[in-house]
All heavy atoms as atom14 arrays in JSON, in Angstrom:
{
  "sequence": "DNSAREPFLLVTRQTIQVNPHSQMTLDVTTFLQQVQQGNLAH",
  "atom14_mask": [
    [1, 1, 1, 1, 1, 1, 1, 1, 0, 0, 0, 0, 0, 0],
    [1, 1, 1, 1, 1, 1, 1, 1, 0, 0, 0, 0, 0, 0],
    [1, 1, 1, 1, 1, 1, 0, 0, 0, 0, 0, 0, 0, 0],
    [1, 1, 1, 1, 1, 0, 0, 0, 0, 0, 0, 0, 0, 0],
    [1, 1, 1, 1, 1, 1, 1, 1, 1, 1, 1, 0, 0, 0],
    [1, 1, 1, 1, 1, 1, 1, 1, 1, 0, 0, 0, 0, 0],
    [1, 1, 1, 1, 1, 1, 1, 0, 0, 0, 0, 0, 0, 0],
    [1, 1, 1, 1, 1, 1, 1, 1, 1, 1, 1, 0, 0, 0],
    [1, 1, 1, 1, 1, 1, 1, 1, 0, 0, 0, 0, 0, 0],
    [1, 1, 1, 1, 1, 1, 1, 1, 0, 0, 0, 0, 0, 0],
    [1, 1, 1, 1, 1, 1, 1, 0, 0, 0, 0, 0, 0, 0],
    [1, 1, 1, 1, 1, 1, 1, 0, 0, 0, 0, 0, 0, 0],
    [1, 1, 1, 1, 1, 1, 1, 1, 1, 1, 1, 0, 0, 0],
    [1, 1, 1, 1, 1, 1, 1, 1, 1, 0, 0, 0, 0, 0],
    [1, 1, 1, 1, 1, 1, 1, 0, 0, 0, 0, 0, 0, 0],
    [1, 1, 1, 1, 1, 1, 1, 1, 0, 0, 0, 0, 0, 0],
    [1, 1, 1, 1, 1, 1, 1, 1, 1, 0, 0, 0, 0, 0],
    [1, 1, 1, 1, 1, 1, 1, 0, 0, 0, 0, 0, 0, 0],
    [1, 1, 1, 1, 1, 1, 1, 1, 0, 0, 0, 0, 0, 0],
    [1, 1, 1, 1, 1, 1, 1, 0, 0, 0, 0, 0, 0, 0],
    [1, 1, 1, 1, 1, 1, 1, 1, 1, 1, 0, 0, 0, 0],
    [1, 1, 1, 1, 1, 1, 0, 0, 0, 0, 0, 0, 0, 0],
    [1, 1, 1, 1, 1, 1, 1, 1, 1, 0, 0, 0, 0, 0],
    [1, 1, 1, 1, 1, 1, 1, 1, 0, 0, 0, 0, 0, 0],
    [1, 1, 1, 1, 1, 1, 1, 0, 0, 0, 0, 0, 0, 0],
    [1, 1, 1, 1, 1, 1, 1, 1, 0, 0, 0, 0, 0, 0],
    [1, 1, 1, 1, 1, 1, 1, 1, 0, 0, 0, 0, 0, 0],
    [1, 1, 1, 1, 1, 1, 1, 0, 0, 0, 0, 0, 0, 0],
    [1, 1, 1, 1, 1, 1, 1, 0, 0, 0, 0, 0, 0, 0],
    [1, 1, 1, 1, 1, 1, 1, 0, 0, 0, 0, 0, 0, 0],
    [1, 1, 1, 1, 1, 1, 1, 1, 1, 1, 1, 0, 0, 0],
    [1, 1, 1, 1, 1, 1, 1, 1, 0, 0, 0, 0, 0, 0],
    [1, 1, 1, 1, 1, 1, 1, 1, 1, 0, 0, 0, 0, 0],
    [1, 1, 1, 1, 1, 1, 1, 1, 1, 0, 0, 0, 0, 0],
    [1, 1, 1, 1, 1, 1, 1, 0, 0, 0, 0, 0, 0, 0],
    [1, 1, 1, 1, 1, 1, 1, 1, 1, 0, 0, 0, 0, 0],
    [1, 1, 1, 1, 1, 1, 1, 1, 1, 0, 0, 0, 0, 0],
    [1, 1, 1, 1, 0, 0, 0, 0, 0, 0, 0, 0, 0, 0],
    [1, 1, 1, 1, 1, 1, 1, 1, 0, 0, 0, 0, 0, 0],
    [1, 1, 1, 1, 1, 1, 1, 1, 0, 0, 0, 0, 0, 0],
    [1, 1, 1, 1, 1, 0, 0, 0, 0, 0, 0, 0, 0, 0],
    [1, 1, 1, 1, 1, 1, 1, 1, 1, 1, 0, 0, 0, 0]
  ],
  "atom14_positions": [
    [[4.35, -17.31, -6.53], [5.46, -18.14, -6.03], [5.1, -18.64, -4.64], [4.4, -17.98, -3.89], [6.76, -17.31, -5.92], [7.18, -16.73, -7.26], [6.72, -17.24, -8.29], [7.94, -15.76, -7.25], [0.0, 0.0, 0.0], [0.0, 0.0, 0.0], [0.0, 0.0, 0.0], [0.0, 0.0, 0.0], [0.0, 0.0, 0.0], [0.0, 0.0, 0.0]],
    [[5.6, -19.77, -4.29], [5.37, -20.31, -2.96], [6.51, -19.92, -2.02], [6.92, -20.69, -1.17], [5.22, -21.83, -3.01], [3.94, -22.23, -3.69], [2.94, -21.53, -3.59], [3.94, -23.36, -4.37], [0.0, 0.0, 0.0], [0.0, 0.0, 0.0], [0.0, 0.0, 0.0], [0.0, 0.0, 0.0], [0.0, 0.0, 0.0], [0.0, 0.0, 0.0]],
    [[7.0, -18.72, -2.19], [8.1, -18.25, -1.36], [7.59, -17.8, 0.01], [6.4, -17.66, 0.24], [8.83, -17.09, -2.05], [7.97, -15.99, -2.17], [0.0, 0.0, 0.0], [0.0, 0.0, 0.0], [0.0, 0.0, 0.0], [0.0, 0.0, 0.0], [0.0, 0.0, 0.0], [0.0, 0.0, 0.0], [0.0, 0.0, 0.0], [0.0, 0.0, 0.0]],
    [[8.51, -17.56, 0.9], [8.15, -17.16, 2.26], [7.87, -15.66, 2.38], [7.49, -15.19, 3.43], [9.29, -17.54, 3.21], [0.0, 0.0, 0.0], [0.0, 0.0, 0.0], [0.0, 0.0, 0.0], [0.0, 0.0, 0.0], [0.0, 0.0, 0.0], [0.0, 0.0, 0.0], [0.0, 0.0, 0.0], [0.0, 0.0, 0.0], [0.0, 0.0, 0.0]],
    [[8.04, -14.92, 1.29], [7.84, -13.46, 1.36], [6.36, -13.11, 1.45], [5.49, -13.87, 1.06], [8.49, -12.77, 0.17], [7.72, -12.91, -1.13], [8.23, -11.92, -2.16], [7.55, -12.02, -3.4], [6.37, -11.47, -3.68], [5.73, -10.79, -2.78], [5.81, -11.6, -4.87], [0.0, 0.0, 0.0], [0.0, 0.0, 0.0], [0.0, 0.0, 0.0]],
    [[6.11, -11.91, 1.94], [4.75, -11.4, 2.04], [4.22, -11.13, 0.63], [4.88, -10.46, -0.17], [4.74, -10.08, 2.83], [5.02, -10.23, 4.29], [3.79, -10.68, 5.08], [2.66, -10.55, 4.57], [3.98, -11.15, 6.2], [0.0, 0.0, 0.0], [0.0, 0.0, 0.0], [0.0, 0.0, 0.0], [0.0, 0.0, 0.0], [0.0, 0.0, 0.0]],
    [[3.02, -11.61, 0.31], [2.45, -11.28, -1.01], [1.95, -9.84, -1.03], [1.68, -9.25, 0.01], [1.28, -12.27, -1.13], [0.88, -12.53, 0.29], [2.16, -12.47, 1.1], [0.0, 0.0, 0.0], [0.0, 0.0, 0.0], [0.0, 0.0, 0.0], [0.0, 0.0, 0.0], [0.0, 0.0, 0.0], [0.0, 0.0, 0.0], [0.0, 0.0, 0.0]],
    [[1.82, -9.28, -2.22], [1.28, -7.94, -2.36], [-0.24, -7.94, -2.19], [-0.82, -6.96, -1.75], [1.64, -7.33, -3.71], [3.1, -6.97, -3.82], [3.97, -7.74, -4.58], [3.62, -5.88, -3.14], [5.31, -7.41, -4.67], [4.95, -5.54, -3.23], [5.8, -6.32, -3.99], [0.0, 0.0, 0.0], [0.0, 0.0, 0.0], [0.0, 0.0, 0.0]],
    [[-0.87, -9.05, -2.57], [-2.32, -9.15, -2.48], [-2.71, -10.29, -1.55], [-2.13, -11.37, -1.6], [-2.93, -9.4, -3.86], [-2.68, -8.32, -4.92], [-3.25, -8.76, -6.26], [-3.27, -7.0, -4.5], [0.0, 0.0, 0.0], [0.0, 0.0, 0.0], [0.0, 0.0, 0.0], [0.0, 0.0, 0.0], [0.0, 0.0, 0.0], [0.0, 0.0, 0.0]],
    [[-3.71, -10.04, -0.73], [-4.29, -11.06, 0.13], [-5.59, -11.51, -0.53], [-6.52, -10.71, -0.66], [-4.55, -10.51, 1.53], [-3.33, -9.96, 2.28], [-3.75, -9.33, 3.59], [-2.29, -11.06, 2.48], [0.0, 0.0, 0.0], [0.0, 0.0, 0.0], [0.0, 0.0, 0.0], [0.0, 0.0, 0.0], [0.0, 0.0, 0.0], [0.0, 0.0, 0.0]],
    [[-5.61, -12.75, -0.95], [-6.74, -13.26, -1.73], [-7.38, -14.43, -0.99], [-6.71, -15.36, -0.58], [-6.26, -13.72, -3.12], [-7.41, -14.27, -3.94], [-5.58, -12.57, -3.86], [0.0, 0.0, 0.0], [0.0, 0.0, 0.0], [0.0, 0.0, 0.0], [0.0, 0.0, 0.0], [0.0, 0.0, 0.0], [0.0, 0.0, 0.0], [0.0, 0.0, 0.0]],
    [[-8.69, -14.32, -0.81], [-9.48, -15.44, -0.28], [-10.55, -15.78, -1.3], [-10.67, -15.11, -2.33], [-10.14, -15.08, 1.07], [-11.18, -14.12, 0.83], [-9.14, -14.53, 2.07], [0.0, 0.0, 0.0], [0.0, 0.0, 0.0], [0.0, 0.0, 0.0], [0.0, 0.0, 0.0], [0.0, 0.0, 0.0], [0.0, 0.0, 0.0], [0.0, 0.0, 0.0]],
    [[-11.35, -16.75, -1.0], [-12.44, -17.14, -1.91], [-13.47, -16.01, -2.04], [-14.15, -15.89, -3.05], [-13.13, -18.4, -1.43], [-12.29, -19.65, -1.63], [-12.97, -20.84, -1.03], [-13.19, -22.06, -1.73], [-13.32, -22.33, -3.02], [-13.22, -21.38, -3.88], [-13.53, -23.54, -3.47], [0.0, 0.0, 0.0], [0.0, 0.0, 0.0], [0.0, 0.0, 0.0]],
    [[-13.59, -15.18, -0.99], [-14.6, -14.13, -1.0], [-14.04, -12.73, -1.25], [-14.74, -11.88, -1.8], [-15.35, -14.09, 0.35], [-16.21, -15.28, 0.63], [-15.42, -16.47, 1.17], [-14.37, -16.3, 1.78], [-15.91, -17.67, 0.92], [0.0, 0.0, 0.0], [0.0, 0.0, 0.0], [0.0, 0.0, 0.0], [0.0, 0.0, 0.0], [0.0, 0.0, 0.0]],
    [[-12.8, -12.45, -0.81], [-12.28, -11.09, -0.84], [-10.88, -11.0, -1.43], [-10.14, -11.98, -1.48], [-12.25, -10.47, 0.57], [-11.33, -11.22, 1.37], [-13.63, -10.44, 1.21], [0.0, 0.0, 0.0], [0.0, 0.0, 0.0], [0.0, 0.0, 0.0], [0.0, 0.0, 0.0], [0.0, 0.0, 0.0], [0.0, 0.0, 0.0], [0.0, 0.0, 0.0]],
    [[-10.56, -9.77, -1.82], [-9.22, -9.43, -2.32], [-8.85, -8.11, -1.67], [-9.66, -7.19, -1.59], [-9.21, -9.3, -3.85], [-9.72, -10.59, -4.5], [-7.8, -8.95, -4.35], [-10.05, -10.46, -5.96], [0.0, 0.0, 0.0], [0.0, 0.0, 0.0], [0.0, 0.0, 0.0], [0.0, 0.0, 0.0], [0.0, 0.0, 0.0], [0.0, 0.0, 0.0]],
    [[-7.61, -8.02, -1.2], [-7.14, -6.81, -0.54], [-5.64, -6.67, -0.73], [-4.92, -7.66, -0.82], [-7.46, -6.9, 0.96], [-6.98, -5.72, 1.76], [-7.33, -5.84, 3.24], [-7.64, -6.92, 3.73], [-7.25, -4.74, 3.95], [0.0, 0.0, 0.0], [0.0, 0.0, 0.0], [0.0, 0.0, 0.0], [0.0, 0.0, 0.0], [0.0, 0.0, 0.0]],
    [[-5.19, -5.43, -0.75], [-3.76, -5.16, -0.75], [-3.23, -5.51, 0.64], [-3.83, -5.16, 1.66], [-3.47, -3.69, -1.1], [-2.02, -3.33, -0.83], [-3.82, -3.42, -2.54], [0.0, 0.0, 0.0], [0.0, 0.0, 0.0], [0.0, 0.0, 0.0], [0.0, 0.0, 0.0], [0.0, 0.0, 0.0], [0.0, 0.0, 0.0], [0.0, 0.0, 0.0]],
    [[-2.12, -6.2, 0.67], [-1.49, -6.59, 1.92], [-0.86, -5.35, 2.56], [0.06, -4.76, 1.99], [-0.43, -7.65, 1.66], [0.22, -8.17, 2.92], [0.03, -7.64, 4.01], [0.99, -9.23, 2.76], [0.0, 0.0, 0.0], [0.0, 0.0, 0.0], [0.0, 0.0, 0.0], [0.0, 0.0, 0.0], [0.0, 0.0, 0.0], [0.0, 0.0, 0.0]],
    [[-1.32, -4.93, 3.74], [-0.77, -3.73, 4.37], [0.69, -3.91, 4.8], [1.37, -2.92, 5.07], [-1.68, -3.49, 5.57], [-2.32, -4.8, 5.84], [-2.39, -5.53, 4.54], [0.0, 0.0, 0.0], [0.0, 0.0, 0.0], [0.0, 0.0, 0.0], [0.0, 0.0, 0.0], [0.0, 0.0, 0.0], [0.0, 0.0, 0.0], [0.0, 0.0, 0.0]],
    [[1.19, -5.14, 4.83], [2.57, -5.39, 5.24], [3.53, -5.52, 4.06], [4.72, -5.71, 4.26], [2.64, -6.66, 6.1], [1.75, -6.58, 7.31], [1.97, -5.7, 8.34], [0.62, -7.25, 7.62], [1.03, -5.84, 9.24], [0.19, -6.77, 8.84], [0.0, 0.0, 0.0], [0.0, 0.0, 0.0], [0.0, 0.0, 0.0], [0.0, 0.0, 0.0]],
    [[3.01, -5.44, 2.84], [3.89, -5.54, 1.67], [4.64, -4.23, 1.47], [4.24, -3.18, 1.96], [3.08, -5.9, 0.43], [2.15, -4.88, 0.13], [0.0, 0.0, 0.0], [0.0, 0.0, 0.0], [0.0, 0.0, 0.0], [0.0, 0.0, 0.0], [0.0, 0.0, 0.0], [0.0, 0.0, 0.0], [0.0, 0.0, 0.0], [0.0, 0.0, 0.0]],
    [[5.73, -4.3, 0.76], [6.57, -3.14, 0.48], [6.05, -2.45, -0.79], [6.29, -2.93, -1.89], [8.03, -3.57, 0.29], [8.65, -4.19, 1.52], [8.74, -3.19, 2.65], [9.21, -2.07, 2.45], [8.29, -3.57, 3.83], [0.0, 0.0, 0.0], [0.0, 0.0, 0.0], [0.0, 0.0, 0.0], [0.0, 0.0, 0.0], [0.0, 0.0, 0.0]],
    [[5.33, -1.36, -0.59], [4.68, -0.69, -1.71], [4.72, 0.83, -1.51], [4.51, 1.3, -0.4], [3.23, -1.16, -1.79], [2.5, -0.73, -3.02], [0.79, -1.35, -3.06], [1.01, -3.11, -2.88], [0.0, 0.0, 0.0], [0.0, 0.0, 0.0], [0.0, 0.0, 0.0], [0.0, 0.0, 0.0], [0.0, 0.0, 0.0], [0.0, 0.0, 0.0]],
    [[4.98, 1.54, -2.57], [4.96, 2.99, -2.55], [3.98, 3.46, -3.62], [4.04, 3.01, -4.76], [6.36, 3.57, -2.85], [7.3, 3.03, -1.94], [6.36, 5.08, -2.76], [0.0, 0.0, 0.0], [0.0, 0.0, 0.0], [0.0, 0.0, 0.0], [0.0, 0.0, 0.0], [0.0, 0.0, 0.0], [0.0, 0.0, 0.0], [0.0, 0.0, 0.0]],
    [[3.09, 4.37, -3.22], [2.1, 4.93, -4.14], [2.18, 6.45, -4.06], [2.06, 7.02, -2.98], [0.69, 4.45, -3.77], [-0.47, 5.05, -4.55], [-0.38, 4.7, -6.04], [-1.79, 4.58, -3.98], [0.0, 0.0, 0.0], [0.0, 0.0, 0.0], [0.0, 0.0, 0.0], [0.0, 0.0, 0.0], [0.0, 0.0, 0.0], [0.0, 0.0, 0.0]],
    [[2.36, 7.1, -5.21], [2.46, 8.55, -5.22], [1.21, 9.24, -4.7], [1.3, 10.29, -4.06], [2.83, 9.06, -6.62], [1.79, 8.75, -7.69], [0.9, 7.89, -7.45], [1.86, 9.33, -8.77], [0.0, 0.0, 0.0], [0.0, 0.0, 0.0], [0.0, 0.0, 0.0], [0.0, 0.0, 0.0], [0.0, 0.0, 0.0], [0.0, 0.0, 0.0]],
    [[0.05, 8.66, -4.9], [-1.2, 9.25, -4.4], [-1.16, 9.32, -2.88], [-1.54, 10.33, -2.28], [-2.42, 8.44, -4.88], [-3.7, 8.94, -4.22], [-2.53, 8.49, -6.4], [0.0, 0.0, 0.0], [0.0, 0.0, 0.0], [0.0, 0.0, 0.0], [0.0, 0.0, 0.0], [0.0, 0.0, 0.0], [0.0, 0.0, 0.0], [0.0, 0.0, 0.0]],
    [[-0.69, 8.26, -2.24], [-0.6, 8.22, -0.78], [0.36, 9.3, -0.29], [0.07, 10.01, 0.67], [-0.13, 6.83, -0.3], [-1.04, 5.86, -0.8], [-0.06, 6.76, 1.21], [0.0, 0.0, 0.0], [0.0, 0.0, 0.0], [0.0, 0.0, 0.0], [0.0, 0.0, 0.0], [0.0, 0.0, 0.0], [0.0, 0.0, 0.0], [0.0, 0.0, 0.0]],
    [[1.5, 9.44, -0.95], [2.48, 10.46, -0.56], [1.88, 11.85, -0.72], [2.02, 12.7, 0.17], [3.76, 10.32, -1.41], [4.25, 8.99, -1.28], [4.82, 11.31, -0.95], [0.0, 0.0, 0.0], [0.0, 0.0, 0.0], [0.0, 0.0, 0.0], [0.0, 0.0, 0.0], [0.0, 0.0, 0.0], [0.0, 0.0, 0.0], [0.0, 0.0, 0.0]],
    [[1.2, 12.08, -1.83], [0.54, 13.37, -2.06], [-0.46, 13.68, -0.94], [-0.44, 14.76, -0.35], [-0.16, 13.35, -3.43], [-1.06, 14.53, -3.68], [-0.53, 15.79, -3.92], [-2.44, 14.38, -3.66], [-1.36, 16.88, -4.15], [-3.27, 15.46, -3.89], [-2.74, 16.72, -4.13], [0.0, 0.0, 0.0], [0.0, 0.0, 0.0], [0.0, 0.0, 0.0]],
    [[-1.32, 12.73, -0.61], [-2.33, 12.93, 0.43], [-1.7, 13.16, 1.8], [-2.16, 14.03, 2.56], [-3.28, 11.73, 0.48], [-4.21, 11.56, -0.72], [-4.94, 10.23, -0.66], [-5.19, 12.72, -0.81], [0.0, 0.0, 0.0], [0.0, 0.0, 0.0], [0.0, 0.0, 0.0], [0.0, 0.0, 0.0], [0.0, 0.0, 0.0], [0.0, 0.0, 0.0]],
    [[-0.65, 12.43, 2.11], [0.03, 12.62, 3.4], [0.64, 14.01, 3.5], [0.53, 14.66, 4.54], [1.12, 11.56, 3.58], [0.6, 10.18, 3.86], [1.69, 9.11, 3.81], [2.77, 9.32, 3.29], [1.37, 7.94, 4.36], [0.0, 0.0, 0.0], [0.0, 0.0, 0.0], [0.0, 0.0, 0.0], [0.0, 0.0, 0.0], [0.0, 0.0, 0.0]],
    [[1.25, 14.47, 2.42], [1.86, 15.8, 2.43], [0.79, 16.9, 2.59], [1.0, 17.86, 3.31], [2.68, 16.02, 1.15], [3.91, 15.14, 1.04], [4.9, 15.37, 2.16], [5.24, 16.5, 2.49], [5.36, 14.29, 2.78], [0.0, 0.0, 0.0], [0.0, 0.0, 0.0], [0.0, 0.0, 0.0], [0.0, 0.0, 0.0], [0.0, 0.0, 0.0]],
    [[-0.35, 16.72, 1.93], [-1.44, 17.69, 2.07], [-1.93, 17.7, 3.51], [-2.1, 18.77, 4.12], [-2.6, 17.39, 1.09], [-3.84, 18.19, 1.43], [-2.17, 17.66, -0.35], [0.0, 0.0, 0.0], [0.0, 0.0, 0.0], [0.0, 0.0, 0.0], [0.0, 0.0, 0.0], [0.0, 0.0, 0.0], [0.0, 0.0, 0.0], [0.0, 0.0, 0.0]],
    [[-2.16, 16.52, 4.09], [-2.67, 16.43, 5.46], [-1.69, 17.02, 6.47], [-2.11, 17.59, 7.47], [-2.97, 14.98, 5.82], [-4.19, 14.43, 5.11], [-4.36, 12.94, 5.29], [-3.49, 12.25, 5.81], [-5.49, 12.42, 4.85], [0.0, 0.0, 0.0], [0.0, 0.0, 0.0], [0.0, 0.0, 0.0], [0.0, 0.0, 0.0], [0.0, 0.0, 0.0]],
    [[-0.4, 16.9, 6.2], [0.61, 17.44, 7.11], [0.86, 18.93, 6.88], [1.63, 19.55, 7.61], [1.92, 16.67, 6.96], [1.82, 15.22, 7.4], [3.04, 14.4, 7.03], [4.0, 14.92, 6.46], [2.99, 13.12, 7.33], [0.0, 0.0, 0.0], [0.0, 0.0, 0.0], [0.0, 0.0, 0.0], [0.0, 0.0, 0.0], [0.0, 0.0, 0.0]],
    [[0.22, 19.49, 5.87], [0.4, 20.91, 5.57], [1.65, 21.23, 4.78], [1.99, 22.4, 4.62], [0.0, 0.0, 0.0], [0.0, 0.0, 0.0], [0.0, 0.0, 0.0], [0.0, 0.0, 0.0], [0.0, 0.0, 0.0], [0.0, 0.0, 0.0], [0.0, 0.0, 0.0], [0.0, 0.0, 0.0], [0.0, 0.0, 0.0], [0.0, 0.0, 0.0]],
    [[2.33, 20.23, 4.27], [3.52, 20.42, 3.45], [3.08, 20.61, 1.99], [3.32, 19.75, 1.14], [4.47, 19.23, 3.57], [4.95, 19.02, 4.97], [5.11, 19.96, 5.73], [5.15, 17.77, 5.34], [0.0, 0.0, 0.0], [0.0, 0.0, 0.0], [0.0, 0.0, 0.0], [0.0, 0.0, 0.0], [0.0, 0.0, 0.0], [0.0, 0.0, 0.0]],
    [[2.44, 21.73, 1.73], [1.79, 21.92, 0.45], [2.76, 21.99, -0.72], [2.47, 21.46, -1.8], [0.91, 23.18, 0.49], [-0.18, 23.16, 1.57], [-1.0, 24.44, 1.51], [-1.06, 21.94, 1.44], [0.0, 0.0, 0.0], [0.0, 0.0, 0.0], [0.0, 0.0, 0.0], [0.0, 0.0, 0.0], [0.0, 0.0, 0.0], [0.0, 0.0, 0.0]],
    [[3.89, 22.61, -0.54], [4.88, 22.68, -1.62], [5.38, 21.29, -1.98], [5.57, 20.97, -3.16], [6.04, 23.59, -1.23], [0.0, 0.0, 0.0], [0.0, 0.0, 0.0], [0.0, 0.0, 0.0], [0.0, 0.0, 0.0], [0.0, 0.0, 0.0], [0.0, 0.0, 0.0], [0.0, 0.0, 0.0], [0.0, 0.0, 0.0], [0.0, 0.0, 0.0]],
    [[5.6, 20.45, -0.96], [6.02, 19.08, -1.23], [4.89, 18.29, -1.89], [5.13, 17.47, -2.78], [6.47, 18.38, 0.06], [7.78, 18.87, 0.56], [7.89, 19.59, 1.72], [9.02, 18.75, 0.06], [9.15, 19.9, 1.91], [9.87, 19.4, 0.91], [0.0, 0.0, 0.0], [0.0, 0.0, 0.0], [0.0, 0.0, 0.0], [0.0, 0.0, 0.0]]
  ]
}
């Protein structure tokens, strides 16, 4: 869409990347953050 919202993917002719400013939740990221913070039960 040509909307004004932030896209989930940043695409150029050479590269593709997840937009760090998009609204996204990933369970793997949450798991890793909890491990790093020592919240092992969580």
